[in-house]
Structures are given as C-alpha cells and as structure tokens.
Amino acid sequence: KAALLHRKFFPPATPVPPPPAAPPSSPMPALTFTTAHVLRAIACISPWKAPGPSGIPNVAIASARNILAPVLLAILEAGLRLGYFPDSWRIFITATLRKPGKSDYTVPGAYRPIAEEEGLGKVIESVVADWLSEFAERTGMLSKNQFGG
C-alpha cells in the first residue's frame, strides 16, 4: 500500500523547460521588505494548525509577532542576499488521511496527503510570494485569464 500511495502522491517530476535565451527586457526591481510585510504574513497563518517538524506552534509565532518580525525580516534579507533558505524550514511532516465516505480504501485516490510545513519558513515564503504577486499584478505580467492563488 505504501508504494501505491507513494506513486500516487509523488509522481516522477516533469522536465523543466530551459530558460529563455534573452534576458528580460526590464530588470525586476530589488525586493524590499518591511516588518509590516512580515507582520501581515504572520497574521495570515492559522494559529491552531498542527506545528511543523520543530514543534513550534503557529499560535506561539503569532503571540510573539512583535519580537519575531524584525528577526524574521533580517533572516529574509540575509537569505535573499546569500541565496539561502534554511534546510530545516524545507522539511514537512506529511500524514496520509482517508477521504471520508469512500467505499474502497485499497485505491490511492481514497486518501489525501496533509503536509505540515515549518511555521517560520511559511511566514518567510508568504512574504516573498505576496511581494511577487503584487509585483506581477502591478506590472501587468499576469494574463487576463489568470485568477486564484
């Protein structure tokens, strides 16, 4: 059963197309962030979700937001400058749950994976993702048909 679920949830990676030969016509502006960006990202995490591998609960991150925001901002800026994201923040805890009401639990489609990500890493990723989304919208980089997250 484990091998079946592994094939279902982790299919072989699809090849990534090569990057364009020509550089973009206009360079992307420098990514600049403030503690307000970090505080907004912390406000968006679900406080009562299960913690990631470190065991730090999201509610603790939310409660310590005013202390953590400047520290996470410094980590974010240093990480961008160095091209580094802590390996410990890339680790997920994945649980496989049965989908309710399925008649046959011998098929992989009767299960769904739930991945718990490290909360501090989630905050950093959220700050960058929000900035990139705002930039893409502001500069008209998204197709008119693009919607959702």
Protein backbone atom coordinates (compact mmCIF):
# COMPACT_ATOMS: atom_id res chain seq x y z
CA LYS A 1 0.00 0.00 0.00
CA ALA A 2 2.86 2.40 0.82
CA ALA A 3 4.36 2.00 -2.66
CA LEU A 4 0.96 2.67 -4.27
CA LEU A 5 0.44 5.84 -2.23
CA HIS A 6 3.99 6.95 -2.99
CA ARG A 7 3.37 6.64 -6.75
CA LYS A 8 0.05 8.50 -6.42
CA PHE A 9 1.30 11.44 -4.32
CA PHE A 10 4.87 11.68 -5.66
CA PRO A 11 4.80 11.01 -9.43
CA PRO A 12 8.03 11.45 -11.42
CA ALA A 13 8.94 15.10 -11.92
CA THR A 14 8.14 16.64 -15.26
CA PRO A 15 11.09 18.16 -17.11
CA VAL A 16 11.55 21.90 -16.64
CA PRO A 17 11.82 23.85 -19.91
CA PRO A 18 15.09 25.73 -20.41
CA PRO A 19 15.12 29.43 -19.52
CA PRO A 20 14.66 31.95 -22.34
CA ALA A 21 17.84 32.78 -24.25
CA ALA A 22 17.35 36.53 -23.95
CA PRO A 23 17.24 38.27 -20.57
CA PRO A 24 14.03 40.06 -19.57
CA SER A 25 13.56 43.44 -21.26
CA SER A 26 13.47 45.29 -17.96
CA PRO A 27 15.12 44.12 -14.77
CA MET A 28 12.97 43.30 -11.80
CA PRO A 29 13.29 45.87 -9.04
CA ALA A 30 15.08 44.96 -5.84
CA LEU A 31 12.93 43.06 -3.40
CA THR A 32 12.43 45.37 -0.45
CA PHE A 33 10.52 44.37 2.64
CA THR A 34 9.50 45.89 5.95
CA THR A 35 8.41 44.49 9.28
CA ALA A 36 4.86 45.33 8.15
CA HIS A 37 5.19 42.69 5.40
CA VAL A 38 6.30 40.12 7.98
CA LEU A 39 3.55 41.09 10.43
CA ARG A 40 0.95 40.73 7.66
CA ALA A 41 2.26 37.24 6.82
CA ILE A 42 2.21 36.21 10.48
CA ALA A 43 -1.38 37.45 10.76
CA CYS A 44 -2.35 35.12 7.90
CA ILE A 45 -1.07 31.86 9.40
CA SER A 46 -3.68 29.66 11.04
CA PRO A 47 -2.83 29.77 14.75
CA TRP A 48 -4.31 26.38 15.67
CA LYS A 49 -2.96 24.27 12.81
CA ALA A 50 -0.56 21.49 13.76
CA PRO A 51 3.06 22.65 14.01
CA GLY A 52 5.78 21.65 11.60
CA PRO A 53 8.80 19.46 12.43
CA SER A 54 10.26 21.87 15.04
CA GLY A 55 7.08 21.67 17.10
CA ILE A 56 6.81 25.49 17.32
CA PRO A 57 3.05 26.15 17.29
CA ASN A 58 1.71 28.85 14.98
CA VAL A 59 -0.06 30.39 17.97
CA ALA A 60 3.37 30.97 19.58
CA ILE A 61 4.61 32.65 16.40
CA ALA A 62 1.50 34.83 16.34
CA SER A 63 1.82 35.70 20.04
CA ALA A 64 5.48 36.70 19.65
CA ARG A 65 4.94 38.53 16.34
CA ASN A 66 6.28 41.90 17.51
CA ILE A 67 9.52 40.30 18.70
CA LEU A 68 9.82 37.88 15.76
CA ALA A 69 9.00 40.28 12.89
CA PRO A 70 12.31 42.21 12.91
CA VAL A 71 14.29 38.99 13.38
CA LEU A 72 12.48 37.23 10.51
CA LEU A 73 12.94 40.34 8.35
CA ALA A 74 16.72 40.19 8.96
CA ILE A 75 16.74 36.45 8.15
CA LEU A 76 14.72 37.08 4.97
CA GLU A 77 17.01 39.88 3.77
CA ALA A 78 20.17 37.87 4.54
CA GLY A 79 18.71 34.79 2.87
CA LEU A 80 17.90 36.73 -0.30
CA ARG A 81 21.34 38.34 -0.35
CA LEU A 82 23.08 34.97 0.12
CA GLY A 83 20.63 32.86 -1.88
CA TYR A 84 19.97 30.73 1.19
CA PHE A 85 16.87 29.24 2.80
CA PRO A 86 17.42 27.08 5.93
CA ASP A 87 17.22 23.35 5.19
CA SER A 88 15.26 22.80 8.41
CA TRP A 89 12.49 25.03 7.01
CA ARG A 90 12.19 22.83 3.91
CA ILE A 91 11.17 19.75 5.89
CA PHE A 92 7.50 18.77 6.00
CA ILE A 93 5.61 16.29 8.12
CA THR A 94 3.19 14.51 5.81
CA ALA A 95 0.27 12.45 7.07
CA THR A 96 -1.94 10.44 4.74
CA LEU A 97 -5.61 10.59 5.68
CA ARG A 98 -8.55 8.59 4.42
CA LYS A 99 -11.11 10.60 2.48
CA PRO A 100 -14.45 10.10 4.24
CA GLY A 101 -17.19 8.14 2.53
CA LYS A 102 -15.00 6.17 0.12
CA SER A 103 -16.12 2.60 -0.49
CA ASP A 104 -12.69 1.19 -1.39
CA TYR A 105 -9.63 2.15 0.64
CA THR A 106 -7.33 -0.09 -1.39
CA VAL A 107 -7.05 2.58 -4.13
CA PRO A 108 -4.74 5.58 -3.70
CA GLY A 109 -7.47 8.04 -4.69
CA ALA A 110 -9.26 7.25 -1.41
CA TYR A 111 -6.50 9.07 0.51
CA ARG A 112 -5.19 12.61 0.68
CA PRO A 113 -1.84 13.85 1.94
CA ILE A 114 -1.69 16.60 4.56
CA ALA A 115 1.68 18.34 4.77
CA GLU A 116 2.64 20.38 7.82
CA GLU A 117 5.27 22.96 6.97
CA GLU A 118 7.59 24.71 9.38
CA GLY A 119 5.75 27.85 10.56
CA LEU A 120 8.72 30.24 10.43
CA GLY A 121 9.55 29.12 6.88
CA LYS A 122 5.92 29.51 5.92
CA VAL A 123 5.99 33.14 7.08
CA ILE A 124 9.12 33.91 5.02
CA GLU A 125 7.70 32.18 1.92
CA SER A 126 4.44 34.07 2.33
CA VAL A 127 6.21 37.46 2.45
CA VAL A 128 8.07 36.74 -0.80
CA ALA A 129 5.00 35.24 -2.51
CA ASP A 130 2.88 38.28 -1.61
CA TRP A 131 5.55 40.65 -2.94
CA LEU A 132 5.85 38.70 -6.21
CA SER A 133 2.06 38.59 -6.64
CA GLU A 134 1.74 42.33 -6.05
CA PHE A 135 4.61 43.00 -8.47
CA ALA A 136 3.08 40.79 -11.18
CA GLU A 137 -0.31 42.48 -10.82
CA ARG A 138 1.16 46.00 -10.73
CA THR A 139 3.25 45.44 -13.87
CA GLY A 140 0.58 43.56 -15.85
CA MET A 141 2.65 40.37 -16.05
CA LEU A 142 -0.36 38.13 -15.47
CA SER A 143 -2.73 37.04 -18.20
CA LYS A 144 -6.25 38.47 -18.03
CA ASN A 145 -7.37 34.83 -17.70
CA GLN A 146 -5.27 34.28 -14.56
CA PHE A 147 -7.21 34.10 -11.32
CA GLY A 148 -6.96 32.46 -7.93
CA GLY A 149 -3.87 31.62 -5.92
